[in-house]
C-alpha atoms as a PDB file:
ATOM      1  CA  MET A   1      27.022   0.883 -29.923  1.00  0.00           C
ATOM      2  CA  LEU A   2      26.628  -0.144 -26.268  1.00  0.00           C
ATOM      3  CA  GLN A   3      24.830   3.110 -25.448  1.00  0.00           C
ATOM      4  CA  PHE A   4      22.503   2.587 -28.422  1.00  0.00           C
ATOM      5  CA  PHE A   5      21.602  -0.863 -27.099  1.00  0.00           C
ATOM      6  CA  LYS A   6      20.892   0.526 -23.626  1.00  0.00           C
ATOM      7  CA  ASN A   7      18.691   3.299 -24.999  1.00  0.00           C
ATOM      8  CA  TYR A   8      16.626   0.941 -27.139  1.00  0.00           C
ATOM      9  CA  THR A   9      16.664  -2.230 -25.051  1.00  0.00           C
ATOM     10  CA  LEU A  10      12.884  -2.426 -24.720  1.00  0.00           C
ATOM     11  CA  PRO A  11      12.041  -2.379 -28.461  1.00  0.00           C
ATOM     12  CA  ILE A  12      15.086  -4.491 -29.380  1.00  0.00           C
ATOM     13  CA  ALA A  13      14.188  -7.195 -26.841  1.00  0.00           C
ATOM     14  CA  MET A  14      10.502  -7.269 -27.762  1.00  0.00           C
ATOM     15  CA  ILE A  15      11.131  -7.248 -31.523  1.00  0.00           C
ATOM     16  CA  THR A  16      13.750  -9.999 -31.181  1.00  0.00           C
ATOM     17  CA  GLY A  17      11.380 -12.098 -29.083  1.00  0.00           C
ATOM     18  CA  ALA A  18       8.522 -11.594 -31.548  1.00  0.00           C
ATOM     19  CA  VAL A  19      10.579 -12.346 -34.666  1.00  0.00           C
ATOM     20  CA  ALA A  20      12.575 -15.251 -33.240  1.00  0.00           C
ATOM     21  CA  TYR A  21       9.746 -16.731 -31.148  1.00  0.00           C
ATOM     22  CA  PRO A  22      10.194 -20.294 -32.540  1.00  0.00           C
ATOM     23  CA  VAL A  23      13.691 -20.310 -31.048  1.00  0.00           C
ATOM     24  CA  VAL A  24      13.524 -18.124 -27.926  1.00  0.00           C
ATOM     25  CA  SER A  25      10.294 -19.755 -26.690  1.00  0.00           C
ATOM     26  CA  TRP A  26      12.306 -22.941 -26.115  1.00  0.00           C
ATOM     27  CA  PHE A  27      14.145 -21.130 -23.313  1.00  0.00           C
ATOM     28  CA  THR A  28      11.039 -20.271 -21.277  1.00  0.00           C
ATOM     29  CA  PHE A  29      12.167 -22.686 -18.566  1.00  0.00           C
ATOM     30  CA  ILE A  30      15.104 -20.401 -17.615  1.00  0.00           C
ATOM     31  CA  THR A  31      12.891 -17.359 -16.912  1.00  0.00           C
ATOM     32  CA  PRO A  32      12.463 -18.120 -13.170  1.00  0.00           C
ATOM     33  CA  TYR A  33      16.236 -18.486 -12.820  1.00  0.00           C
ATOM     34  CA  LEU A  34      16.828 -15.122 -14.493  1.00  0.00           C
ATOM     35  CA  ILE A  35      14.300 -13.503 -12.144  1.00  0.00           C
ATOM     36  CA  PHE A  36      16.014 -15.178  -9.181  1.00  0.00           C
ATOM     37  CA  ILE A  37      19.454 -13.854 -10.176  1.00  0.00           C
ATOM     38  CA  MET A  38      18.147 -10.323 -10.805  1.00  0.00           C
ATOM     39  CA  LEU A  39      16.499 -10.262  -7.383  1.00  0.00           C
ATOM     40  CA  LEU A  40      19.675 -11.595  -5.780  1.00  0.00           C
ATOM     41  CA  PHE A  41      21.735  -8.759  -7.281  1.00  0.00           C
ATOM     42  CA  THR A  42      19.127  -6.242  -6.112  1.00  0.00           C
ATOM     43  CA  PHE A  43      18.953  -7.532  -2.538  1.00  0.00           C
ATOM     44  CA  CYS A  44      22.753  -7.712  -2.266  1.00  0.00           C
ATOM     45  CA  LYS A  45      22.721  -3.907  -2.475  1.00  0.00           C
ATOM     46  CA  LEU A  46      20.023  -3.602   0.184  1.00  0.00           C
ATOM     47  CA  SER A  47      21.206  -3.694   3.791  1.00  0.00           C
ATOM     48  CA  PRO A  48      18.666  -4.638   6.491  1.00  0.00           C
ATOM     49  CA  ARG A  49      19.647  -1.379   8.192  1.00  0.00           C
ATOM     50  CA  ASP A  50      18.345   0.556   5.195  1.00  0.00           C
ATOM     51  CA  ILE A  51      14.861  -0.876   5.566  1.00  0.00           C
ATOM     52  CA  HIS A  52      12.445   1.477   7.295  1.00  0.00           C
ATOM     53  CA  LEU A  53       8.767   0.605   7.013  1.00  0.00           C
ATOM     54  CA  ARG A  54       6.461   3.607   6.889  1.00  0.00           C
ATOM     55  CA  LEU A  55       2.708   4.086   6.752  1.00  0.00           C
ATOM     56  CA  PRO A  56       2.671   4.716   2.957  1.00  0.00           C
ATOM     57  CA  HIS A  57       4.229   1.266   2.508  1.00  0.00           C
ATOM     58  CA  ILE A  58       1.240  -0.294   4.250  1.00  0.00           C
ATOM     59  CA  TRP A  59      -1.216   1.678   2.117  1.00  0.00           C
ATOM     60  CA  LEU A  60       0.512   0.669  -1.107  1.00  0.00           C
ATOM     61  CA  LEU A  61       0.722  -3.000  -0.140  1.00  0.00           C
ATOM     62  CA  ALA A  62      -2.924  -3.055   0.948  1.00  0.00           C
ATOM     63  CA  ILE A  63      -4.000  -1.566  -2.397  1.00  0.00           C
ATOM     64  CA  GLN A  64      -1.862  -4.113  -4.223  1.00  0.00           C
ATOM     65  CA  LEU A  65      -3.012  -7.219  -2.343  1.00  0.00           C
ATOM     66  CA  ILE A  66      -6.649  -6.254  -1.794  1.00  0.00           C
ATOM     67  CA  GLY A  67      -6.964  -4.297  -5.038  1.00  0.00           C
ATOM     68  CA  CYS A  68      -6.109  -7.330  -7.164  1.00  0.00           C
ATOM     69  CA  ILE A  69      -9.107  -9.175  -5.684  1.00  0.00           C
ATOM     70  CA  VAL A  70     -11.445  -6.206  -6.141  1.00  0.00           C
ATOM     71  CA  VAL A  71     -10.305  -5.636  -9.730  1.00  0.00           C
ATOM     72  CA  TYR A  72     -10.691  -9.331 -10.538  1.00  0.00           C
ATOM     73  CA  GLY A  73     -14.204  -9.368  -9.136  1.00  0.00           C
ATOM     74  CA  ILE A  74     -15.255  -6.318 -11.149  1.00  0.00           C
ATOM     75  CA  VAL A  75     -13.666  -7.334 -14.463  1.00  0.00           C
ATOM     76  CA  SER A  76     -14.869 -10.954 -14.167  1.00  0.00           C
ATOM     77  CA  LEU A  77     -18.395  -9.602 -14.669  1.00  0.00           C
ATOM     78  CA  TYR A  78     -17.234  -8.744 -18.193  1.00  0.00           C
ATOM     79  CA  HIS A  79     -14.871 -11.631 -19.028  1.00  0.00           C
ATOM     80  CA  PRO A  80     -13.079 -14.199 -16.769  1.00  0.00           C
ATOM     81  CA  VAL A  81      -9.838 -14.315 -18.805  1.00  0.00           C
ATOM     82  CA  VAL A  82      -9.596 -10.521 -18.983  1.00  0.00           C
ATOM     83  CA  ALA A  83     -10.145 -10.542 -15.218  1.00  0.00           C
ATOM     84  CA  GLN A  84      -7.169 -12.885 -14.798  1.00  0.00           C
ATOM     85  CA  GLY A  85      -4.955 -10.503 -16.756  1.00  0.00           C
ATOM     86  CA  ALA A  86      -6.171  -7.555 -14.682  1.00  0.00           C
ATOM     87  CA  PHE A  87      -5.589  -9.542 -11.476  1.00  0.00           C
ATOM     88  CA  VAL A  88      -1.960 -10.328 -12.203  1.00  0.00           C
ATOM     89  CA  CYS A  89      -1.217  -6.729 -13.318  1.00  0.00           C
ATOM     90  CA  VAL A  90      -2.238  -5.494  -9.862  1.00  0.00           C
ATOM     91  CA  LEU A  91      -0.818  -8.338  -7.756  1.00  0.00           C
ATOM     92  CA  VAL A  92       2.698  -8.585  -9.201  1.00  0.00           C
ATOM     93  CA  PRO A  93       5.503  -6.887  -7.190  1.00  0.00           C
ATOM     94  CA  THR A  94       7.279  -3.658  -8.023  1.00  0.00           C
ATOM     95  CA  ALA A  95       9.876  -3.792 -10.799  1.00  0.00           C
ATOM     96  CA  ILE A  96      13.527  -4.094  -9.859  1.00  0.00           C
ATOM     97  CA  SER A  97      14.285  -1.132 -12.128  1.00  0.00           C
ATOM     98  CA  ALA A  98      11.782   1.083 -10.291  1.00  0.00           C
ATOM     99  CA  ALA A  99      14.500   2.297  -7.916  1.00  0.00           C
ATOM    100  CA  VAL A 100      16.525   3.592 -10.873  1.00  0.00           C
ATOM    101  CA  ILE A 101      13.585   5.507 -12.362  1.00  0.00           C
ATOM    102  CA  THR A 102      12.677   6.826  -8.908  1.00  0.00           C
ATOM    103  CA  GLY A 103      16.172   8.254  -8.506  1.00  0.00           C
ATOM    104  CA  MET A 104      16.062   9.845 -11.957  1.00  0.00           C
ATOM    105  CA  LEU A 105      12.730  11.481 -11.107  1.00  0.00           C
ATOM    106  CA  GLY A 106      14.047  12.843  -7.808  1.00  0.00           C
ATOM    107  CA  GLY A 107      12.185  10.413  -5.557  1.00  0.00           C
ATOM    108  CA  ASN A 108      13.192   8.643  -2.365  1.00  0.00           C
ATOM    109  CA  VAL A 109      15.217   5.578  -3.418  1.00  0.00           C
ATOM    110  CA  PRO A 110      15.536   4.014   0.099  1.00  0.00           C
ATOM    111  CA  PHE A 111      11.737   4.256   0.465  1.00  0.00           C
ATOM    112  CA  LEU A 112      11.264   2.485  -2.863  1.00  0.00           C
ATOM    113  CA  THR A 113      13.798  -0.259  -2.128  1.00  0.00           C
ATOM    114  CA  SER A 114      12.118  -0.906   1.224  1.00  0.00           C
ATOM    115  CA  TYR A 115       8.796  -1.276  -0.544  1.00  0.00           C
ATOM    116  CA  LEU A 116      10.392  -3.541  -3.150  1.00  0.00           C
ATOM    117  CA  LEU A 117      11.342  -5.886  -0.331  1.00  0.00           C
ATOM    118  CA  LEU A 118       7.977  -5.622   1.417  1.00  0.00           C
ATOM    119  CA  CYS A 119       5.847  -6.260  -1.673  1.00  0.00           C
ATOM    120  CA  ASN A 120       7.957  -9.255  -2.754  1.00  0.00           C
ATOM    121  CA  ILE A 121       7.400 -10.847   0.649  1.00  0.00           C
ATOM    122  CA  GLY A 122       3.706  -9.968   0.534  1.00  0.00           C
ATOM    123  CA  VAL A 123       3.176 -11.449  -2.931  1.00  0.00           C
ATOM    124  CA  ALA A 124       5.170 -14.579  -2.040  1.00  0.00           C
ATOM    125  CA  LEU A 125       2.816 -15.180   0.892  1.00  0.00           C
ATOM    126  CA  VAL A 126      -0.473 -14.235  -0.776  1.00  0.00           C
ATOM    127  CA  ALA A 127      -0.048 -15.577  -4.338  1.00  0.00           C
ATOM    128  CA  PRO A 128      -0.225 -19.290  -3.390  1.00  0.00           C
ATOM    129  CA  VAL A 129      -3.506 -18.585  -1.597  1.00  0.00           C
ATOM    130  CA  LEU A 130      -5.121 -16.577  -4.416  1.00  0.00           C
ATOM    131  CA  PHE A 131      -3.967 -18.378  -7.570  1.00  0.00           C
ATOM    132  CA  PRO A 132      -5.854 -21.644  -6.838  1.00  0.00           C
ATOM    133  CA  PHE A 133      -9.101 -19.639  -6.820  1.00  0.00           C
ATOM    134  CA  ILE A 134      -8.229 -17.579  -9.914  1.00  0.00           C
ATOM    135  CA  GLY A 135      -6.427 -20.140 -12.073  1.00  0.00           C
ATOM    136  CA  PRO A 136      -7.954 -22.801 -14.332  1.00  0.00           C
ATOM    137  CA  HIS A 137      -6.315 -25.794 -12.597  1.00  0.00           C
ATOM    138  CA  THR A 138      -9.608 -27.275 -11.454  1.00  0.00           C
ATOM    139  CA  GLU A 139      -8.217 -30.829 -11.496  1.00  0.00           C
ATOM    140  CA  MET A 140      -6.140 -29.973  -8.416  1.00  0.00           C
ATOM    141  CA  SER A 141      -7.554 -29.464  -4.942  1.00  0.00           C
ATOM    142  CA  PHE A 142      -6.962 -26.173  -3.152  1.00  0.00           C
ATOM    143  CA  ILE A 143      -4.284 -27.707  -0.914  1.00  0.00           C
ATOM    144  CA  GLU A 144      -2.513 -29.303  -3.885  1.00  0.00           C
ATOM    145  CA  SER A 145      -2.588 -26.011  -5.827  1.00  0.00           C
ATOM    146  CA  PHE A 146      -1.465 -24.069  -2.774  1.00  0.00           C
ATOM    147  CA  LEU A 147       1.532 -26.322  -2.135  1.00  0.00           C
ATOM    148  CA  TYR A 148       2.408 -26.466  -5.834  1.00  0.00           C
ATOM    149  CA  ILE A 149       2.477 -22.682  -6.173  1.00  0.00           C
ATOM    150  CA  CYS A 150       4.261 -22.265  -2.819  1.00  0.00           C
ATOM    151  CA  LYS A 151       7.088 -24.453  -4.067  1.00  0.00           C
ATOM    152  CA  ARG A 152       7.572 -22.286  -7.162  1.00  0.00           C
ATOM    153  CA  VAL A 153       6.701 -18.735  -6.077  1.00  0.00           C
ATOM    154  CA  GLY A 154       8.008 -18.740  -2.501  1.00  0.00           C
ATOM    155  CA  PRO A 155      11.612 -19.717  -3.280  1.00  0.00           C
ATOM    156  CA  LEU A 156      11.662 -17.483  -6.349  1.00  0.00           C
ATOM    157  CA  LEU A 157      10.795 -14.333  -4.378  1.00  0.00           C
ATOM    158  CA  LEU A 158      12.073 -15.029  -0.863  1.00  0.00           C
ATOM    159  CA  LEU A 159      15.171 -17.192  -1.318  1.00  0.00           C
ATOM    160  CA  PRO A 160      17.154 -14.428  -3.134  1.00  0.00           C
ATOM    161  CA  LEU A 161      16.561 -12.155  -0.124  1.00  0.00           C
ATOM    162  CA  PHE A 162      17.714 -14.687   2.467  1.00  0.00           C
ATOM    163  CA  LEU A 163      20.650 -15.752   0.303  1.00  0.00           C
ATOM    164  CA  ALA A 164      21.734 -12.136  -0.260  1.00  0.00           C
ATOM    165  CA  TRP A 165      21.726 -11.356   3.465  1.00  0.00           C
ATOM    166  CA  PHE A 166      23.445 -14.664   4.259  1.00  0.00           C
ATOM    167  CA  ILE A 167      26.239 -13.712   1.852  1.00  0.00           C
ATOM    168  CA  ARG A 168      26.368 -10.116   3.155  1.00  0.00           C
ATOM    169  CA  TYR A 169      27.118 -11.141   6.740  1.00  0.00           C
ATOM    170  CA  LEU A 170      29.122 -14.341   6.294  1.00  0.00           C
ATOM    171  CA  PHE A 171      30.933 -13.666   3.013  1.00  0.00           C
ATOM    172  CA  PRO A 172      31.319  -9.872   2.699  1.00  0.00           C
ATOM    173  CA  ARG A 173      33.945 -10.195  -0.052  1.00  0.00           C
ATOM    174  CA  VAL A 174      31.570 -12.250  -2.171  1.00  0.00           C
ATOM    175  CA  ASN A 175      28.886  -9.640  -1.538  1.00  0.00           C
ATOM    176  CA  LYS A 176      31.191  -6.904  -2.839  1.00  0.00           C
ATOM    177  CA  VAL A 177      31.823  -8.937  -5.988  1.00  0.00           C
ATOM    178  CA  LEU A 178      28.085  -9.422  -6.512  1.00  0.00           C
ATOM    179  CA  MET A 179      27.499  -5.697  -6.067  1.00  0.00           C
ATOM    180  CA  ARG A 180      30.106  -4.962  -8.745  1.00  0.00           C
ATOM    181  CA  LEU A 181      28.458  -7.494 -11.032  1.00  0.00           C
ATOM    182  CA  SER A 182      24.960  -6.092 -10.429  1.00  0.00           C
ATOM    183  CA  LYS A 183      25.092  -4.254 -13.775  1.00  0.00           C
ATOM    184  CA  ILE A 184      24.611  -7.665 -15.364  1.00  0.00           C
ATOM    185  CA  SER A 185      20.976  -7.417 -14.230  1.00  0.00           C
ATOM    186  CA  PHE A 186      20.323  -5.035 -17.118  1.00  0.00           C
ATOM    187  CA  TYR A 187      21.347  -7.664 -19.665  1.00  0.00           C
ATOM    188  CA  LEU A 188      19.552 -10.460 -17.817  1.00  0.00           C
ATOM    189  CA  TRP A 189      16.417  -8.306 -17.907  1.00  0.00           C
ATOM    190  CA  ALA A 190      16.822  -7.890 -21.680  1.00  0.00           C
ATOM    191  CA  ILE A 191      17.199 -11.659 -22.138  1.00  0.00           C
ATOM    192  CA  ALA A 192      14.197 -12.405 -19.927  1.00  0.00           C
ATOM    193  CA  LEU A 193      12.075  -9.828 -21.766  1.00  0.00           C
ATOM    194  CA  THR A 194      13.046 -11.406 -25.086  1.00  0.00           C
ATOM    195  CA  ILE A 195      12.066 -14.871 -23.864  1.00  0.00           C
ATOM    196  CA  VAL A 196       8.703 -13.941 -22.335  1.00  0.00           C
ATOM    197  CA  THR A 197       7.819 -11.901 -25.430  1.00  0.00           C
ATOM    198  CA  GLY A 198       8.664 -14.888 -27.621  1.00  0.00           C
ATOM    199  CA  SER A 199       6.559 -17.187 -25.423  1.00  0.00           C
ATOM    200  CA  THR A 200       3.589 -14.836 -25.607  1.00  0.00           C
ATOM    201  CA  VAL A 201       3.858 -14.420 -29.389  1.00  0.00           C
ATOM    202  CA  LYS A 202       4.218 -18.188 -29.852  1.00  0.00           C
ATOM    203  CA  PHE A 203       1.047 -18.819 -27.902  1.00  0.00           C
ATOM    204  CA  LEU A 204      -0.900 -16.113 -29.733  1.00  0.00           C
ATOM    205  CA  ILE A 205       0.169 -17.334 -33.188  1.00  0.00           C
ATOM    206  CA  GLU A 206      -0.303 -21.034 -32.535  1.00  0.00           C
ATOM    207  CA  GLN A 207      -3.620 -20.814 -30.706  1.00  0.00           C
ATOM    208  CA  GLU A 208      -6.296 -22.797 -32.524  1.00  0.00           C
ATOM    209  CA  ASN A 209      -9.202 -20.378 -32.061  1.00  0.00           C
ATOM    210  CA  PRO A 210      -7.826 -16.841 -31.702  1.00  0.00           C
ATOM    211  CA  ASP A 211     -10.038 -14.478 -29.734  1.00  0.00           C
ATOM    212  CA  TYR A 212      -8.914 -11.031 -30.842  1.00  0.00           C
ATOM    213  CA  LYS A 213     -11.665  -9.283 -28.898  1.00  0.00           C
ATOM    214  CA  THR A 214     -10.401 -10.779 -25.645  1.00  0.00           C
ATOM    215  CA  GLU A 215      -6.776  -9.978 -26.478  1.00  0.00           C
ATOM    216  CA  ILE A 216      -7.581  -6.347 -27.322  1.00  0.00           C
ATOM    217  CA  SER A 217      -9.635  -6.132 -24.125  1.00  0.00           C
ATOM    218  CA  LEU A 218      -6.637  -7.403 -22.137  1.00  0.00           C
ATOM    219  CA  ALA A 219      -4.403  -4.693 -23.632  1.00  0.00           C
ATOM    220  CA  VAL A 220      -6.984  -1.965 -22.904  1.00  0.00           C
ATOM    221  CA  VAL A 221      -7.556  -3.166 -19.325  1.00  0.00           C
ATOM    222  CA  ALA A 222      -3.776  -3.218 -18.775  1.00  0.00           C
ATOM    223  CA  LEU A 223      -3.608   0.421 -19.914  1.00  0.00           C
ATOM    224  CA  VAL A 224      -6.371   1.482 -17.511  1.00  0.00           C
ATOM    225  CA  ILE A 225      -4.793  -0.425 -14.608  1.00  0.00           C
ATOM    226  CA  CYS A 226      -1.313   0.889 -15.376  1.00  0.00           C
ATOM    227  CA  ALA A 227      -2.417   4.530 -15.482  1.00  0.00           C
ATOM    228  CA  GLY A 228      -4.670   4.000 -12.467  1.00  0.00           C
ATOM    229  CA  GLN A 229      -1.911   2.525 -10.306  1.00  0.00           C
ATOM    230  CA  PHE A 230       0.509   5.331 -11.122  1.00  0.00           C
ATOM    231  CA  LEU A 231      -2.163   7.934 -10.332  1.00  0.00           C
ATOM    232  CA  ILE A 232      -3.324   6.269  -7.098  1.00  0.00           C
ATOM    233  CA  GLY A 233       0.278   5.817  -5.957  1.00  0.00           C
ATOM    234  CA  ARG A 234       1.061   9.468  -6.605  1.00  0.00           C
ATOM    235  CA  ARG A 235      -2.146  10.543  -4.851  1.00  0.00           C
ATOM    236  CA  ILE A 236      -1.155   8.580  -1.736  1.00  0.00           C
ATOM    237  CA  GLY A 237       2.396   9.919  -1.991  1.00  0.00           C
ATOM    238  CA  LYS A 238       1.195  13.523  -2.037  1.00  0.00           C
ATOM    239  CA  ARG A 239      -0.321  13.028   1.410  1.00  0.00           C
ATOM    240  CA  TYR A 240       3.093  11.986   2.728  1.00  0.00           C
ATOM    241  CA  GLY A 241       5.265  14.328   0.652  1.00  0.00           C
ATOM    242  CA  ASP A 242       6.632  11.688  -1.733  1.00  0.00           C
ATOM    243  CA  PRO A 243       4.431  11.278  -4.841  1.00  0.00           C
ATOM    244  CA  VAL A 244       7.246  10.028  -7.091  1.00  0.00           C
ATOM    245  CA  SER A 245       8.311   7.052  -4.945  1.00  0.00           C
ATOM    246  CA  CYS A 246       4.755   5.960  -4.170  1.00  0.00           C
ATOM    247  CA  GLY A 247       3.736   6.314  -7.814  1.00  0.00           C
ATOM    248  CA  GLN A 248       6.626   4.173  -9.006  1.00  0.00           C
ATOM    249  CA  GLY A 249       6.166   1.685  -6.180  1.00  0.00           C
ATOM    250  CA  LEU A 250       2.560   0.970  -7.111  1.00  0.00           C
ATOM    251  CA  GLY A 251       2.685   1.576 -10.857  1.00  0.00           C
ATOM    252  CA  GLN A 252       5.986   0.188 -12.125  1.00  0.00           C
ATOM    253  CA  LYS A 253       5.624  -3.589 -12.126  1.00  0.00           C
ATOM    254  CA  ASN A 254       7.895  -6.586 -12.549  1.00  0.00           C
ATOM    255  CA  THR A 255       6.184  -7.447 -15.837  1.00  0.00           C
ATOM    256  CA  ILE A 256       8.550 -10.325 -16.623  1.00  0.00           C
ATOM    257  CA  LEU A 257       7.417 -12.030 -13.419  1.00  0.00           C
ATOM    258  CA  ALA A 258       3.798 -11.130 -14.237  1.00  0.00           C
ATOM    259  CA  ILE A 259       3.958 -12.714 -17.705  1.00  0.00           C
ATOM    260  CA  TRP A 260       5.586 -15.830 -16.289  1.00  0.00           C
ATOM    261  CA  MET A 261       2.923 -16.088 -13.544  1.00  0.00           C
ATOM    262  CA  ALA A 262       0.101 -15.656 -16.062  1.00  0.00           C
ATOM    263  CA  GLN A 263       1.524 -18.316 -18.368  1.00  0.00           C
ATOM    264  CA  ALA A 264       2.245 -20.720 -15.499  1.00  0.00           C
ATOM    265  CA  TYR A 265      -0.875 -20.435 -13.314  1.00  0.00           C
ATOM    266  CA  LEU A 266      -3.611 -18.700 -15.325  1.00  0.00           C
ATOM    267  CA  ASN A 267      -5.091 -18.951 -18.799  1.00  0.00           C
ATOM    268  CA  PRO A 268      -2.058 -18.265 -21.062  1.00  0.00           C
ATOM    269  CA  ILE A 269      -4.060 -15.698 -23.049  1.00  0.00           C
ATOM    270  CA  SER A 270      -4.160 -13.542 -19.902  1.00  0.00           C
ATOM    271  CA  SER A 271      -0.399 -12.946 -20.333  1.00  0.00           C
ATOM    272  CA  VAL A 272      -1.336 -10.403 -23.032  1.00  0.00           C
ATOM    273  CA  ALA A 273      -2.266  -8.003 -20.212  1.00  0.00           C
ATOM    274  CA  PRO A 274       1.158  -7.895 -18.482  1.00  0.00           C
ATOM    275  CA  ALA A 275       2.851  -8.018 -21.904  1.00  0.00           C
ATOM    276  CA  SER A 276       0.925  -4.860 -22.818  1.00  0.00           C
ATOM    277  CA  TYR A 277       1.707  -3.396 -19.401  1.00  0.00           C
ATOM    278  CA  VAL A 278       5.395  -3.427 -20.403  1.00  0.00           C
ATOM    279  CA  LEU A 279       4.647  -0.920 -23.137  1.00  0.00           C
ATOM    280  CA  TRP A 280       2.230   1.250 -21.136  1.00  0.00           C
ATOM    281  CA  GLN A 281       4.498   1.660 -18.098  1.00  0.00           C
ATOM    282  CA  ASN A 282       7.492   2.514 -20.255  1.00  0.00           C
ATOM    283  CA  ILE A 283       5.462   5.168 -22.084  1.00  0.00           C
ATOM    284  CA  ILE A 284       4.424   6.653 -18.723  1.00  0.00           C
ATOM    285  CA  ASN A 285       8.001   6.532 -17.416  1.00  0.00           C
ATOM    286  CA  SER A 286       9.305   8.169 -20.597  1.00  0.00           C
ATOM    287  CA  TYR A 287       6.711  10.934 -20.263  1.00  0.00           C
ATOM    288  CA  GLN A 288       7.620  11.500 -16.597  1.00  0.00           C
ATOM    289  CA  LEU A 289      11.324  11.697 -17.442  1.00  0.00           C
ATOM    290  CA  TRP A 290      10.553  14.142 -20.269  1.00  0.00           C
ATOM    291  CA  LEU A 291       8.594  16.374 -17.873  1.00  0.00           C
ATOM    292  CA  LYS A 292      11.407  16.152 -15.319  1.00  0.00           C
ATOM    293  CA  ASN A 293      14.085  17.097 -17.876  1.00  0.00           C
ATOM    294  CA  LYS A 294      11.894  19.912 -19.178  1.00  0.00           C
ATOM    295  CA  ALA A 295      11.524  21.327 -15.658  1.00  0.00           C
ATOM    296  CA  VAL A 296      15.275  21.089 -15.055  1.00  0.00           C
ATOM    297  CA  HIS A 297      16.090  22.906 -18.291  1.00  0.00           C
ATOM    298  CA  LYS A 298      13.523  25.564 -17.469  1.00  0.00           C
ATOM    299  CA  THR A 299      15.079  26.122 -14.043  1.00  0.00           C
ATOM    300  CA  GLN A 300      18.581  26.279 -15.506  1.00  0.00           C
ATOM    301  CA  ASN A 301      17.502  28.813 -18.125  1.00  0.00           C
ATOM    302  CA  ALA A 302      15.804  30.940 -15.460  1.00  0.00           C
ATOM    303  CA  LYS A 303      19.088  31.154 -13.516  1.00  0.00           C
ATOM    304  CA  LYS A 304      21.039  32.366 -16.536  1.00  0.00           C
END
């Protein structure tokens, strides 16, 4: 039963969130705390000595931070809300689970975990600057918006890192306990996915004037961006002999954080884009794992 739940966590969480949205949407306020705890567990396993910044890291981060502005500018010519969804799908950091998929695909896990750290710091620093320009909060001045977002995004992304390293060096026994408990992240991720799905469905159902054209456009744009980021990441990785890690680093996103950011700082409809991104990136990951398993079986059969 437990294995069944693990294998079908994505559809179970999304279906539960969609069906029980009147209830689960009440728990939206705990989403940042769940993200914080998941990041804390992740960073507890990452020693500062394991962090080695390489040139591909810089390329990936530049594409992420500059690309989100370029994509927003291009898509805004078509529709401003669709542009917001596209923006957040590019800006948001790499998914915590990307290291797991990278390992399963035969990639460089230390490279990916180093990038996970780098992009979280980068987004924490850049997001408060960009969101006031992108978001609809026109009643607030730039400085007010900047400080408001700093207070919420900065601690959420950076505090888990500093806390994890503080615990590692001053309370090593506590760190070992946290590392043993890190498997809880899987269940926290399922809960968070259920909640953000419920919040998105609640907004879509209760909106007064539904704009299905915009919502479909958001889903399509998310598909194009998702496939594009995986392909660009792999293209960069080929130049440095590591297409898998670079592809996952740029393409596999922390969609729970993205949905929360869209709902908190942008037009809530734009959250349809990262919500769709959940599905697209899991389809791509499933296809990559299928190709990998197929190649392994082919090699094993050739040796027989």
